[in-house]
C-alpha atoms as a PDB file:
ATOM      1  CA  MET A   1    -112.800 -71.417 -70.875  1.00  0.00           C
ATOM      2  CA  ILE A   2    -111.642 -67.838 -70.269  1.00  0.00           C
ATOM      3  CA  ASN A   3    -107.981 -66.877 -70.699  1.00  0.00           C
ATOM      4  CA  GLY A   4    -106.959 -70.518 -70.535  1.00  0.00           C
ATOM      5  CA  LEU A   5    -108.734 -71.189 -67.216  1.00  0.00           C
ATOM      6  CA  ARG A   6    -110.741 -74.334 -66.753  1.00  0.00           C
ATOM      7  CA  ARG A   7    -114.054 -73.918 -64.946  1.00  0.00           C
ATOM      8  CA  ARG A   8    -113.070 -76.424 -62.292  1.00  0.00           C
ATOM      9  CA  ASN A   9    -110.235 -74.166 -61.143  1.00  0.00           C
ATOM     10  CA  PHE A  10    -111.880 -70.731 -61.203  1.00  0.00           C
ATOM     11  CA  ARG A  11    -115.350 -69.389 -61.817  1.00  0.00           C
ATOM     12  CA  VAL A  12    -116.431 -66.779 -64.351  1.00  0.00           C
ATOM     13  CA  LYS A  13    -117.359 -64.389 -61.548  1.00  0.00           C
ATOM     14  CA  ASP A  14    -113.738 -64.564 -60.357  1.00  0.00           C
ATOM     15  CA  LEU A  15    -112.637 -62.545 -63.421  1.00  0.00           C
ATOM     16  CA  ASP A  16    -113.307 -58.932 -64.277  1.00  0.00           C
ATOM     17  CA  VAL A  17    -113.836 -57.713 -67.850  1.00  0.00           C
ATOM     18  CA  SER A  18    -110.080 -57.661 -68.542  1.00  0.00           C
ATOM     19  CA  GLY A  19    -109.621 -61.261 -67.484  1.00  0.00           C
ATOM     20  CA  THR A  20    -107.981 -60.248 -64.188  1.00  0.00           C
ATOM     21  CA  LEU A  21    -108.553 -62.667 -61.342  1.00  0.00           C
ATOM     22  CA  THR A  22    -110.381 -61.377 -58.306  1.00  0.00           C
ATOM     23  CA  GLY A  23    -111.659 -62.985 -55.149  1.00  0.00           C
ATOM     24  CA  VAL A  24    -109.505 -66.124 -55.303  1.00  0.00           C
ATOM     25  CA  GLY A  25    -106.751 -65.046 -52.934  1.00  0.00           C
ATOM     26  CA  LEU A  26    -104.994 -62.761 -55.432  1.00  0.00           C
ATOM     27  CA  ASN A  27    -104.771 -59.008 -54.884  1.00  0.00           C
ATOM     28  CA  GLY A  28    -105.420 -59.651 -51.200  1.00  0.00           C
ATOM     29  CA  PRO A  29    -102.636 -58.984 -48.709  1.00  0.00           C
ATOM     30  CA  GLY A  30    -100.054 -58.766 -51.496  1.00  0.00           C
ATOM     31  CA  LYS A  31     -99.300 -55.994 -53.980  1.00  0.00           C
ATOM     32  CA  THR A  32     -99.890 -56.016 -57.731  1.00  0.00           C
ATOM     33  CA  TRP A  33     -97.159 -55.331 -60.291  1.00  0.00           C
ATOM     34  CA  TYR A  34     -97.284 -54.885 -64.074  1.00  0.00           C
ATOM     35  CA  VAL A  35     -94.879 -55.917 -66.850  1.00  0.00           C
ATOM     36  CA  ASP A  36     -95.166 -54.694 -70.442  1.00  0.00           C
ATOM     37  CA  ALA A  37     -92.122 -54.889 -72.701  1.00  0.00           C
ATOM     38  CA  SER A  38     -93.959 -53.096 -75.516  1.00  0.00           C
ATOM     39  CA  LYS A  39     -95.060 -49.991 -73.591  1.00  0.00           C
ATOM     40  CA  THR A  40     -94.829 -46.842 -75.704  1.00  0.00           C
ATOM     41  CA  SER A  41     -91.985 -45.207 -73.805  1.00  0.00           C
ATOM     42  CA  GLY A  42     -89.832 -48.341 -73.783  1.00  0.00           C
ATOM     43  CA  ILE A  43     -88.621 -47.311 -70.320  1.00  0.00           C
ATOM     44  CA  SER A  44     -89.343 -49.124 -67.054  1.00  0.00           C
ATOM     45  CA  GLY A  45     -91.554 -47.310 -64.581  1.00  0.00           C
ATOM     46  CA  ASN A  46     -92.189 -48.225 -60.960  1.00  0.00           C
ATOM     47  CA  GLY A  47     -94.354 -51.214 -61.903  1.00  0.00           C
ATOM     48  CA  THR A  48     -97.476 -50.148 -60.004  1.00  0.00           C
ATOM     49  CA  THR A  49     -99.789 -49.539 -63.012  1.00  0.00           C
ATOM     50  CA  TRP A  50     -99.865 -50.431 -66.700  1.00  0.00           C
ATOM     51  CA  ASP A  51     -98.702 -46.903 -67.542  1.00  0.00           C
ATOM     52  CA  GLU A  52     -95.828 -47.338 -65.072  1.00  0.00           C
ATOM     53  CA  ALA A  53     -95.107 -50.960 -66.022  1.00  0.00           C
ATOM     54  CA  VAL A  54     -91.590 -52.355 -65.939  1.00  0.00           C
ATOM     55  CA  ILE A  55     -90.373 -53.826 -69.205  1.00  0.00           C
ATOM     56  CA  THR A  56     -88.835 -57.128 -68.040  1.00  0.00           C
ATOM     57  CA  ILE A  57     -90.328 -59.922 -65.961  1.00  0.00           C
ATOM     58  CA  ALA A  58     -87.120 -60.065 -63.919  1.00  0.00           C
ATOM     59  CA  GLU A  59     -87.746 -56.473 -62.794  1.00  0.00           C
ATOM     60  CA  GLY A  60     -91.253 -57.431 -61.741  1.00  0.00           C
ATOM     61  CA  ILE A  61     -89.995 -60.373 -59.704  1.00  0.00           C
ATOM     62  CA  ALA A  62     -87.331 -58.169 -58.103  1.00  0.00           C
ATOM     63  CA  LEU A  63     -90.047 -55.735 -56.965  1.00  0.00           C
ATOM     64  CA  ALA A  64     -92.333 -58.464 -55.652  1.00  0.00           C
ATOM     65  CA  SER A  65     -92.641 -59.966 -52.193  1.00  0.00           C
ATOM     66  CA  ARG A  66     -94.600 -62.903 -50.840  1.00  0.00           C
ATOM     67  CA  LEU A  67     -98.270 -63.122 -51.910  1.00  0.00           C
ATOM     68  CA  ASP A  68     -97.794 -60.488 -54.628  1.00  0.00           C
ATOM     69  CA  THR A  69     -99.253 -60.765 -58.128  1.00  0.00           C
ATOM     70  CA  ILE A  70     -97.405 -59.879 -61.340  1.00  0.00           C
ATOM     71  CA  TYR A  71     -99.430 -59.328 -64.514  1.00  0.00           C
ATOM     72  CA  ILE A  72     -97.484 -59.750 -67.752  1.00  0.00           C
ATOM     73  CA  ALA A  73     -98.578 -58.350 -71.118  1.00  0.00           C
ATOM     74  CA  ALA A  74     -97.666 -60.103 -74.353  1.00  0.00           C
ATOM     75  CA  LYS A  75     -95.014 -58.351 -76.409  1.00  0.00           C
ATOM     76  CA  ASP A  76     -96.145 -56.801 -79.694  1.00  0.00           C
ATOM     77  CA  ILE A  77     -95.730 -59.386 -82.460  1.00  0.00           C
ATOM     78  CA  THR A  78     -93.504 -57.803 -85.085  1.00  0.00           C
ATOM     79  CA  ASP A  79     -93.150 -60.613 -87.615  1.00  0.00           C
ATOM     80  CA  THR A  80     -95.380 -63.170 -89.290  1.00  0.00           C
ATOM     81  CA  THR A  81     -93.204 -66.288 -89.107  1.00  0.00           C
ATOM     82  CA  GLY A  82     -95.341 -67.999 -86.498  1.00  0.00           C
ATOM     83  CA  ASP A  83     -93.205 -67.332 -83.403  1.00  0.00           C
ATOM     84  CA  PRO A  84     -94.397 -64.552 -81.072  1.00  0.00           C
ATOM     85  CA  SER A  85     -92.000 -61.875 -79.873  1.00  0.00           C
ATOM     86  CA  SER A  86     -90.662 -63.113 -76.560  1.00  0.00           C
ATOM     87  CA  TYR A  87     -89.351 -62.152 -73.163  1.00  0.00           C
ATOM     88  CA  GLU A  88     -85.863 -63.641 -73.446  1.00  0.00           C
ATOM     89  CA  GLU A  89     -85.014 -64.004 -69.784  1.00  0.00           C
ATOM     90  CA  ASN A  90     -83.879 -66.583 -67.238  1.00  0.00           C
ATOM     91  CA  LEU A  91     -86.076 -66.104 -64.181  1.00  0.00           C
ATOM     92  CA  THR A  92     -85.974 -67.216 -60.542  1.00  0.00           C
ATOM     93  CA  ILE A  93     -88.728 -66.939 -57.946  1.00  0.00           C
ATOM     94  CA  GLY A  94     -86.752 -66.667 -54.710  1.00  0.00           C
ATOM     95  CA  ALA A  95     -87.222 -68.735 -51.580  1.00  0.00           C
ATOM     96  CA  THR A  96     -88.868 -65.866 -49.649  1.00  0.00           C
ATOM     97  CA  GLN A  97     -91.447 -65.123 -52.359  1.00  0.00           C
ATOM     98  CA  ASP A  98     -94.010 -67.740 -51.339  1.00  0.00           C
ATOM     99  CA  GLY A  99     -97.413 -67.361 -52.888  1.00  0.00           C
ATOM    100  CA  LEU A 100     -96.138 -65.244 -55.782  1.00  0.00           C
ATOM    101  CA  ALA A 101     -98.328 -65.294 -58.896  1.00  0.00           C
ATOM    102  CA  LEU A 102     -97.049 -64.756 -62.450  1.00  0.00           C
ATOM    103  CA  ILE A 103    -100.087 -64.261 -64.677  1.00  0.00           C
ATOM    104  CA  GLY A 104    -100.056 -63.572 -68.385  1.00  0.00           C
ATOM    105  CA  VAL A 105    -102.683 -61.252 -69.810  1.00  0.00           C
ATOM    106  CA  SER A 106    -103.681 -63.565 -72.615  1.00  0.00           C
ATOM    107  CA  ARG A 107    -106.017 -63.930 -75.562  1.00  0.00           C
ATOM    108  CA  GLY A 108    -106.450 -67.667 -75.198  1.00  0.00           C
ATOM    109  CA  ARG A 109    -104.284 -70.747 -74.749  1.00  0.00           C
ATOM    110  CA  THR A 110    -102.454 -70.662 -78.099  1.00  0.00           C
ATOM    111  CA  GLN A 111     -98.793 -69.813 -78.516  1.00  0.00           C
ATOM    112  CA  GLY A 112     -99.667 -66.498 -80.181  1.00  0.00           C
ATOM    113  CA  GLY A 113    -102.262 -65.605 -77.560  1.00  0.00           C
ATOM    114  CA  LEU A 114     -99.985 -65.863 -74.521  1.00  0.00           C
ATOM    115  CA  PRO A 115     -97.017 -63.781 -73.368  1.00  0.00           C
ATOM    116  CA  GLN A 116     -94.072 -65.990 -74.359  1.00  0.00           C
ATOM    117  CA  LEU A 117     -90.847 -66.612 -72.448  1.00  0.00           C
ATOM    118  CA  LYS A 118     -88.003 -67.938 -74.559  1.00  0.00           C
ATOM    119  CA  ASP A 119     -84.500 -69.097 -73.766  1.00  0.00           C
ATOM    120  CA  GLY A 120     -82.658 -66.305 -71.938  1.00  0.00           C
ATOM    121  CA  ALA A 121     -79.065 -65.169 -71.721  1.00  0.00           C
ATOM    122  CA  THR A 122     -78.056 -68.492 -70.142  1.00  0.00           C
ATOM    123  CA  THR A 123     -79.284 -71.129 -72.574  1.00  0.00           C
ATOM    124  CA  THR A 124     -78.272 -74.090 -70.387  1.00  0.00           C
ATOM    125  CA  GLN A 125     -80.483 -72.891 -67.521  1.00  0.00           C
ATOM    126  CA  HIS A 126     -84.225 -73.369 -67.121  1.00  0.00           C
ATOM    127  CA  ILE A 127     -86.360 -70.464 -68.310  1.00  0.00           C
ATOM    128  CA  LEU A 128     -88.101 -70.264 -64.904  1.00  0.00           C
ATOM    129  CA  ARG A 129     -86.901 -71.668 -61.583  1.00  0.00           C
ATOM    130  CA  ILE A 130     -89.369 -71.822 -58.692  1.00  0.00           C
ATOM    131  CA  ARG A 131     -87.820 -71.852 -55.204  1.00  0.00           C
ATOM    132  CA  ALA A 132     -90.811 -70.756 -53.100  1.00  0.00           C
ATOM    133  CA  PRO A 133     -93.969 -72.643 -52.081  1.00  0.00           C
ATOM    134  CA  GLY A 134     -97.517 -71.944 -53.155  1.00  0.00           C
ATOM    135  CA  CYS A 135     -96.706 -70.091 -56.387  1.00  0.00           C
ATOM    136  CA  LEU A 136     -99.081 -69.712 -59.327  1.00  0.00           C
ATOM    137  CA  ILE A 137     -97.846 -69.697 -62.930  1.00  0.00           C
ATOM    138  CA  MET A 138    -100.707 -69.015 -65.333  1.00  0.00           C
ATOM    139  CA  ASN A 139    -101.382 -68.018 -68.939  1.00  0.00           C
ATOM    140  CA  LEU A 140     -97.740 -67.992 -70.059  1.00  0.00           C
ATOM    141  CA  GLY A 141     -95.925 -69.579 -72.992  1.00  0.00           C
ATOM    142  CA  PHE A 142     -92.510 -71.235 -72.712  1.00  0.00           C
ATOM    143  CA  ASN A 143     -90.433 -71.834 -75.847  1.00  0.00           C
ATOM    144  CA  GLY A 144     -87.195 -73.745 -75.338  1.00  0.00           C
ATOM    145  CA  ALA A 145     -86.073 -73.781 -78.975  1.00  0.00           C
ATOM    146  CA  GLY A 146     -82.539 -72.519 -78.269  1.00  0.00           C
ATOM    147  CA  ASN A 147     -82.287 -73.793 -74.724  1.00  0.00           C
ATOM    148  CA  THR A 148     -81.006 -77.053 -73.216  1.00  0.00           C
ATOM    149  CA  GLY A 149     -82.139 -76.234 -69.683  1.00  0.00           C
ATOM    150  CA  GLY A 150     -85.855 -76.839 -70.099  1.00  0.00           C
ATOM    151  CA  GLY A 151     -88.963 -74.786 -69.303  1.00  0.00           C
ATOM    152  CA  ILE A 152     -89.968 -74.660 -65.617  1.00  0.00           C
ATOM    153  CA  LEU A 153     -87.891 -76.167 -62.806  1.00  0.00           C
ATOM    154  CA  LEU A 154     -89.463 -76.999 -59.425  1.00  0.00           C
ATOM    155  CA  ASP A 155     -86.215 -76.194 -57.629  1.00  0.00           C
ATOM    156  CA  ASP A 156     -86.860 -77.699 -54.201  1.00  0.00           C
ATOM    157  CA  ASP A 157     -84.047 -78.959 -51.953  1.00  0.00           C
ATOM    158  CA  TYR A 158     -86.304 -79.639 -48.930  1.00  0.00           C
ATOM    159  CA  SER A 159     -84.189 -77.219 -46.903  1.00  0.00           C
ATOM    160  CA  THR A 160     -83.482 -73.636 -47.978  1.00  0.00           C
ATOM    161  CA  LYS A 161     -85.843 -73.585 -50.974  1.00  0.00           C
ATOM    162  CA  SER A 162     -89.152 -75.242 -51.712  1.00  0.00           C
ATOM    163  CA  ALA A 163     -91.611 -75.508 -54.588  1.00  0.00           C
ATOM    164  CA  PHE A 164     -94.428 -77.473 -52.958  1.00  0.00           C
ATOM    165  CA  GLY A 165     -97.931 -76.302 -53.728  1.00  0.00           C
ATOM    166  CA  THR A 166     -97.048 -74.919 -57.171  1.00  0.00           C
ATOM    167  CA  SER A 167     -99.945 -74.489 -59.614  1.00  0.00           C
ATOM    168  CA  ILE A 168     -99.186 -74.283 -63.348  1.00  0.00           C
ATOM    169  CA  ILE A 169    -102.388 -73.422 -65.192  1.00  0.00           C
ATOM    170  CA  GLY A 170    -103.295 -72.618 -68.791  1.00  0.00           C
ATOM    171  CA  CYS A 171     -99.708 -72.486 -70.042  1.00  0.00           C
ATOM    172  CA  HIS A 172     -98.203 -73.460 -73.414  1.00  0.00           C
ATOM    173  CA  PHE A 173     -94.888 -75.331 -73.693  1.00  0.00           C
ATOM    174  CA  LYS A 174     -92.987 -75.795 -76.938  1.00  0.00           C
ATOM    175  CA  ASN A 175     -89.570 -77.136 -78.020  1.00  0.00           C
ATOM    176  CA  CYS A 176     -88.384 -77.785 -74.457  1.00  0.00           C
ATOM    177  CA  LYS A 177     -85.594 -80.287 -73.926  1.00  0.00           C
ATOM    178  CA  GLY A 178     -82.735 -81.126 -71.581  1.00  0.00           C
ATOM    179  CA  THR A 179     -79.065 -81.745 -72.171  1.00  0.00           C
ATOM    180  CA  THR A 180     -79.822 -84.602 -74.578  1.00  0.00           C
ATOM    181  CA  ALA A 181     -82.161 -83.674 -77.407  1.00  0.00           C
ATOM    182  CA  THR A 182     -83.537 -87.217 -77.770  1.00  0.00           C
ATOM    183  CA  ASN A 183     -83.861 -88.331 -74.121  1.00  0.00           C
ATOM    184  CA  ALA A 184     -86.686 -87.034 -71.930  1.00  0.00           C
ATOM    185  CA  ALA A 185     -84.800 -88.180 -68.819  1.00  0.00           C
ATOM    186  CA  THR A 186     -82.491 -85.163 -69.166  1.00  0.00           C
ATOM    187  CA  GLY A 187     -85.247 -82.565 -69.139  1.00  0.00           C
ATOM    188  CA  GLY A 188     -88.280 -81.051 -70.787  1.00  0.00           C
ATOM    189  CA  ALA A 189     -91.125 -78.600 -70.250  1.00  0.00           C
ATOM    190  CA  ILE A 190     -91.937 -79.000 -66.520  1.00  0.00           C
ATOM    191  CA  ASN A 191     -89.180 -80.511 -64.385  1.00  0.00           C
ATOM    192  CA  TRP A 192     -88.467 -81.601 -60.858  1.00  0.00           C
ATOM    193  CA  THR A 193     -84.837 -81.810 -59.692  1.00  0.00           C
ATOM    194  CA  SER A 194     -83.079 -85.148 -59.194  1.00  0.00           C
ATOM    195  CA  ALA A 195     -83.762 -84.747 -55.458  1.00  0.00           C
ATOM    196  CA  GLY A 196     -87.519 -85.022 -56.049  1.00  0.00           C
ATOM    197  CA  ASN A 197     -89.405 -83.070 -53.354  1.00  0.00           C
ATOM    198  CA  ALA A 198     -91.990 -80.448 -54.522  1.00  0.00           C
ATOM    199  CA  TRP A 199     -95.179 -82.097 -53.242  1.00  0.00           C
ATOM    200  CA  GLN A 200     -98.780 -81.020 -53.944  1.00  0.00           C
ATOM    201  CA  VAL A 201     -98.283 -79.788 -57.512  1.00  0.00           C
ATOM    202  CA  LEU A 202    -101.148 -78.984 -59.879  1.00  0.00           C
ATOM    203  CA  ILE A 203    -100.647 -78.931 -63.673  1.00  0.00           C
ATOM    204  CA  SER A 204    -103.959 -77.977 -65.261  1.00  0.00           C
ATOM    205  CA  GLY A 205    -105.206 -76.985 -68.697  1.00  0.00           C
ATOM    206  CA  CYS A 206    -101.733 -76.834 -70.232  1.00  0.00           C
ATOM    207  CA  ARG A 207    -100.835 -77.436 -73.847  1.00  0.00           C
ATOM    208  CA  PHE A 208     -97.578 -79.176 -74.822  1.00  0.00           C
ATOM    209  CA  TYR A 209     -96.095 -79.260 -78.326  1.00  0.00           C
ATOM    210  CA  LYS A 210     -92.864 -80.740 -79.689  1.00  0.00           C
ATOM    211  CA  ASN A 211     -91.185 -81.123 -76.311  1.00  0.00           C
ATOM    212  CA  VAL A 212     -88.686 -83.983 -75.981  1.00  0.00           C
ATOM    213  CA  GLY A 213     -90.251 -84.511 -72.544  1.00  0.00           C
ATOM    214  CA  ASP A 214     -93.394 -82.817 -71.223  1.00  0.00           C
ATOM    215  CA  ILE A 215     -93.305 -83.592 -67.480  1.00  0.00           C
ATOM    216  CA  VAL A 216     -90.015 -84.913 -66.097  1.00  0.00           C
ATOM    217  CA  LEU A 217     -89.001 -86.221 -62.679  1.00  0.00           C
ATOM    218  CA  PRO A 218     -85.324 -87.270 -62.999  1.00  0.00           C
ATOM    219  CA  GLY A 219     -84.954 -88.683 -59.486  1.00  0.00           C
ATOM    220  CA  THR A 220     -86.122 -88.849 -55.887  1.00  0.00           C
ATOM    221  CA  SER A 221     -82.865 -88.894 -53.937  1.00  0.00           C
ATOM    222  CA  ASN A 222     -84.345 -86.757 -51.145  1.00  0.00           C
ATOM    223  CA  THR A 223     -88.103 -87.375 -51.008  1.00  0.00           C
ATOM    224  CA  VAL A 224     -90.733 -88.849 -53.306  1.00  0.00           C
ATOM    225  CA  PRO A 225     -93.191 -86.161 -54.527  1.00  0.00           C
ATOM    226  CA  GLN A 226     -96.740 -86.763 -53.328  1.00  0.00           C
ATOM    227  CA  ASP A 227    -100.241 -85.616 -54.235  1.00  0.00           C
ATOM    228  CA  VAL A 228     -99.630 -84.439 -57.805  1.00  0.00           C
ATOM    229  CA  VAL A 229    -102.576 -83.710 -60.112  1.00  0.00           C
ATOM    230  CA  ILE A 230    -102.269 -83.435 -63.904  1.00  0.00           C
ATOM    231  CA  GLU A 231    -105.579 -82.601 -65.559  1.00  0.00           C
ATOM    232  CA  ASP A 232    -107.107 -81.337 -68.798  1.00  0.00           C
ATOM    233  CA  CYS A 233    -103.789 -81.205 -70.667  1.00  0.00           C
ATOM    234  CA  ILE A 234    -102.905 -81.843 -74.318  1.00  0.00           C
ATOM    235  CA  PHE A 235     -99.546 -83.617 -74.499  1.00  0.00           C
ATOM    236  CA  SER A 236     -96.851 -83.303 -77.139  1.00  0.00           C
ATOM    237  CA  GLY A 237     -96.769 -84.599 -80.663  1.00  0.00           C
ATOM    238  CA  PRO A 238     -95.931 -85.196 -83.455  1.00  0.00           C
ATOM    239  CA  ALA A 239     -94.329 -88.531 -82.682  1.00  0.00           C
ATOM    240  CA  ALA A 240     -91.027 -87.647 -84.389  1.00  0.00           C
ATOM    241  CA  SER A 241     -90.477 -84.736 -81.951  1.00  0.00           C
ATOM    242  CA  VAL A 242     -91.125 -86.521 -78.654  1.00  0.00           C
ATOM    243  CA  ASP A 243     -89.296 -89.114 -76.562  1.00  0.00           C
ATOM    244  CA  CYS A 244     -91.686 -89.403 -73.590  1.00  0.00           C
ATOM    245  CA  ASN A 245     -94.665 -87.343 -72.473  1.00  0.00           C
ATOM    246  CA  ILE A 246     -94.441 -88.122 -68.749  1.00  0.00           C
ATOM    247  CA  TYR A 247     -91.098 -89.436 -67.518  1.00  0.00           C
ATOM    248  CA  LEU A 248     -90.682 -90.408 -63.852  1.00  0.00           C
ATOM    249  CA  SER A 249     -87.506 -91.850 -62.362  1.00  0.00           C
ATOM    250  CA  GLY A 250     -86.314 -92.776 -58.863  1.00  0.00           C
ATOM    251  CA  SER A 251     -89.329 -93.945 -56.870  1.00  0.00           C
ATOM    252  CA  GLY A 252     -91.818 -92.021 -58.987  1.00  0.00           C
ATOM    253  CA  ILE A 253     -94.727 -90.116 -57.444  1.00  0.00           C
ATOM    254  CA  ASN A 254     -96.950 -91.287 -54.608  1.00  0.00           C
ATOM    255  CA  GLY A 255    -100.478 -90.065 -55.194  1.00  0.00           C
ATOM    256  CA  LEU A 256    -100.368 -89.174 -58.893  1.00  0.00           C
ATOM    257  CA  HIS A 257    -103.715 -88.475 -60.545  1.00  0.00           C
ATOM    258  CA  ILE A 258    -103.822 -87.889 -64.314  1.00  0.00           C
ATOM    259  CA  ASN A 259    -107.312 -87.052 -65.573  1.00  0.00           C
ATOM    260  CA  ASN A 260    -108.956 -86.023 -68.824  1.00  0.00           C
ATOM    261  CA  CYS A 261    -105.759 -85.607 -70.842  1.00  0.00           C
ATOM    262  CA  GLN A 262    -105.060 -86.167 -74.533  1.00  0.00           C
ATOM    263  CA  PHE A 263    -101.969 -87.970 -75.782  1.00  0.00           C
ATOM    264  CA  GLN A 264    -101.080 -87.893 -79.462  1.00  0.00           C
ATOM    265  CA  GLN A 265     -99.022 -90.391 -81.455  1.00  0.00           C
ATOM    266  CA  LEU A 266     -96.818 -92.795 -79.539  1.00  0.00           C
ATOM    267  CA  PRO A 267     -93.492 -90.898 -79.078  1.00  0.00           C
ATOM    268  CA  ALA A 268     -90.868 -91.994 -81.595  1.00  0.00           C
ATOM    269  CA  ILE A 269     -88.178 -89.337 -81.899  1.00  0.00           C
ATOM    270  CA  GLY A 270     -85.156 -90.445 -83.944  1.00  0.00           C
ATOM    271  CA  SER A 271     -82.499 -92.113 -81.726  1.00  0.00           C
ATOM    272  CA  GLY A 272     -84.920 -91.736 -78.814  1.00  0.00           C
ATOM    273  CA  THR A 273     -84.363 -93.520 -75.521  1.00  0.00           C
ATOM    274  CA  ASN A 274     -87.856 -94.132 -74.132  1.00  0.00           C
ATOM    275  CA  ALA A 275     -90.504 -94.025 -76.914  1.00  0.00           C
ATOM    276  CA  ARG A 276     -93.410 -94.208 -74.464  1.00  0.00           C
ATOM    277  CA  TYR A 277     -96.324 -92.068 -73.428  1.00  0.00           C
ATOM    278  CA  MET A 278     -95.296 -92.586 -69.825  1.00  0.00           C
ATOM    279  CA  ILE A 279     -92.438 -94.134 -67.875  1.00  0.00           C
ATOM    280  CA  ALA A 280     -93.222 -94.689 -64.188  1.00  0.00           C
ATOM    281  CA  PRO A 281     -91.090 -96.826 -61.855  1.00  0.00           C
ATOM    282  CA  THR A 282     -92.033 -99.045 -58.946  1.00  0.00           C
ATOM    283  CA  GLY A 283     -93.200 -96.770 -56.158  1.00  0.00           C
ATOM    284  CA  THR A 284     -95.552 -94.773 -58.346  1.00  0.00           C
ATOM    285  CA  VAL A 285     -99.047 -94.931 -56.864  1.00  0.00           C
ATOM    286  CA  GLY A 286    -102.160 -93.350 -58.322  1.00  0.00           C
ATOM    287  CA  MET A 287    -104.577 -93.390 -61.227  1.00  0.00           C
ATOM    288  CA  MET A 288    -104.993 -92.307 -64.833  1.00  0.00           C
ATOM    289  CA  SER A 289    -108.613 -91.743 -65.826  1.00  0.00           C
ATOM    290  CA  ASN A 290    -110.628 -90.464 -68.774  1.00  0.00           C
ATOM    291  CA  CYS A 291    -107.589 -90.067 -71.027  1.00  0.00           C
ATOM    292  CA  THR A 292    -107.392 -90.664 -74.775  1.00  0.00           C
ATOM    293  CA  PHE A 293    -104.463 -91.933 -76.845  1.00  0.00           C
ATOM    294  CA  GLY A 294    -103.716 -91.980 -80.566  1.00  0.00           C
ATOM    295  CA  CYS A 295    -102.050 -95.161 -79.553  1.00  0.00           C
ATOM    296  CA  LEU A 296    -101.368 -97.414 -82.497  1.00  0.00           C
ATOM    297  CA  THR A 297     -98.488 -97.024 -84.915  1.00  0.00           C
ATOM    298  CA  GLY A 298    -100.385 -97.797 -88.112  1.00  0.00           C
ATOM    299  CA  THR A 299    -100.112-101.578 -87.979  1.00  0.00           C
ATOM    300  CA  THR A 300    -103.582-102.989 -88.443  1.00  0.00           C
ATOM    301  CA  GLY A 301    -104.847-104.745 -85.340  1.00  0.00           C
ATOM    302  CA  THR A 302    -101.781-103.990 -83.192  1.00  0.00           C
ATOM    303  CA  THR A 303    -102.669-102.860 -79.680  1.00  0.00           C
ATOM    304  CA  ILE A 304    -100.124-101.246 -77.396  1.00  0.00           C
ATOM    305  CA  THR A 305     -99.951-102.167 -73.727  1.00  0.00           C
ATOM    306  CA  PHE A 306     -99.774-100.233 -70.477  1.00  0.00           C
ATOM    307  CA  LYS A 307     -97.965-102.332 -67.872  1.00  0.00           C
ATOM    308  CA  VAL A 308     -94.566-102.808 -66.216  1.00  0.00           C
ATOM    309  CA  SER A 309     -92.912-103.497 -69.568  1.00  0.00           C
ATOM    310  CA  GLY A 310     -95.667-102.084 -71.755  1.00  0.00           C
ATOM    311  CA  THR A 311     -95.194-100.979 -75.334  1.00  0.00           C
ATOM    312  CA  GLY A 312     -97.244 -97.822 -74.744  1.00  0.00           C
ATOM    313  CA  ALA A 313     -96.362 -97.030 -71.147  1.00  0.00           C
ATOM    314  CA  ASN A 314     -94.221 -98.590 -68.446  1.00  0.00           C
ATOM    315  CA  ILE A 315     -96.211 -98.431 -65.217  1.00  0.00           C
ATOM    316  CA  PRO A 316     -96.267-100.520 -62.022  1.00  0.00           C
ATOM    317  CA  VAL A 317     -99.265-102.487 -60.764  1.00  0.00           C
ATOM    318  CA  THR A 318     -99.896 -99.778 -58.131  1.00  0.00           C
ATOM    319  CA  PHE A 319    -100.858 -97.273 -60.834  1.00  0.00           C
ATOM    320  CA  MET A 320    -104.422 -97.838 -62.054  1.00  0.00           C
ATOM    321  CA  LEU A 321    -106.123 -96.975 -65.343  1.00  0.00           C
ATOM    322  CA  SER A 322    -109.812 -96.242 -65.646  1.00  0.00           C
ATOM    323  CA  ARG A 323    -111.853 -95.288 -68.723  1.00  0.00           C
ATOM    324  CA  CYS A 324    -108.830 -94.676 -70.954  1.00  0.00           C
ATOM    325  CA  TYR A 325    -109.167 -95.249 -74.695  1.00  0.00           C
ATOM    326  CA  GLY A 326    -107.042 -95.390 -77.828  1.00  0.00           C
ATOM    327  CA  THR A 327    -107.546 -95.671 -81.582  1.00  0.00           C
ATOM    328  CA  SER A 328    -105.541 -97.360 -84.293  1.00  0.00           C
ATOM    329  CA  GLY A 329    -103.455 -95.662 -86.924  1.00  0.00           C
ATOM    330  CA  VAL A 330    -105.997 -96.816 -89.514  1.00  0.00           C
ATOM    331  CA  ALA A 331    -109.089 -94.650 -89.675  1.00  0.00           C
ATOM    332  CA  SER A 332    -111.405 -97.612 -90.218  1.00  0.00           C
ATOM    333  CA  GLU A 333    -110.248 -99.465 -87.105  1.00  0.00           C
ATOM    334  CA  SER A 334    -110.226 -98.816 -83.394  1.00  0.00           C
ATOM    335  CA  ALA A 335    -108.965-100.577 -80.320  1.00  0.00           C
ATOM    336  CA  GLU A 336    -109.085-100.180 -76.566  1.00  0.00           C
ATOM    337  CA  ILE A 337    -105.820 -99.922 -74.721  1.00  0.00           C
ATOM    338  CA  SER A 338    -104.631-103.255 -73.394  1.00  0.00           C
ATOM    339  CA  VAL A 339    -103.666-102.987 -69.729  1.00  0.00           C
ATOM    340  CA  ALA A 340    -103.181-106.656 -68.940  1.00  0.00           C
END
C-alpha cells in the first residue's frame, strides 16, 4: 500500500516518487492546484505550484474547474497531544466541478499521516459537501469532534446537483456524528441525504474510528442508490463509541457489495438506538463477503445473528453473506456468525 492506496485501485507505476498520481485520468485535461497552510510565507499565492500554494482548501476549490486536481499538504503538527493540526473549514464541491479530485499528500493512512479537516466555522454543517459527479476524495482525514454535521455529505438532489460516481479512497474518519450523539440515523462519517440518490459510489481502503455512524443513508425519498462498493475498510470501535457502523434507511441500497472489511466490537454506545454492525431495510440487495467481526459480547458460547431481526445485523433475505467470520469475546473460544 502506498499513500493509503490499495493495489486493486491503482498500480505502483501510477505514482511518481512523491506519491503523486499519474496516468489514471488525473493531470489530464484539467489543471493542478496546490494547498499548503504551513508554507513559509503564510500568504496565499496563485495556487499553481507548491511555492505558490494557497493556504486554505476553500481557496483551492474556488480556483478549480471540472476535471482539476487539488493536492493538499498536511499542516505542520505543533503539539504532541495526539491530534494533528487541522484545516478548519466547511467545504463544498460545486455542481459544475465534476471530476474534481481532492488528494492529500500523505505519509500513510493514520490520522497523523494525513492532512486533516476538522469542524469548520459552521459546526452544524458537514465538513465536505459533494455536489458534482465523478469526484475523487483521497488521502484525507476528517475529524468531527466539535461538529454535529458529520464528515462527508453526498449532496445529490437528482436535479441541480449530483454526487454519483464519487470515490472516497484511503481516508481516515474520526469522531463524526449527526444531530444526536448516540443515534447513527442522524449522521456520521460518510452520509447520503434523506433523498438518497448518489449512485455508483466507491468507498475503499478507509479507516473509521469512534464515529457514532460510519456510513449513513438516512432515506431514499427520491431514488434508491445503486451499485455501491465498500471494500478494504476498518470500521469503528470501541463499542462504547459507536451506535451502528453501516446504517441504511428508506429502501436501502440496490447492488451493495461489502468486501474484505473488518468490524470491531458490536456497537454499544450508551443510550444508543441501533447497537448493530449494520441496519439494512427491505429493498437492500447485494452481498457481504470476506469480512471479519469481533462479534460476541463476552458471553461464552453466545453467537450473534445476521438476519431481518438479527442481534448483530438487521438485513433482509435479499442481502447475502459469504465467507464472513466472527470470534467470541473469550480468547479461548471462537464461533462462526449465525446467518439463519
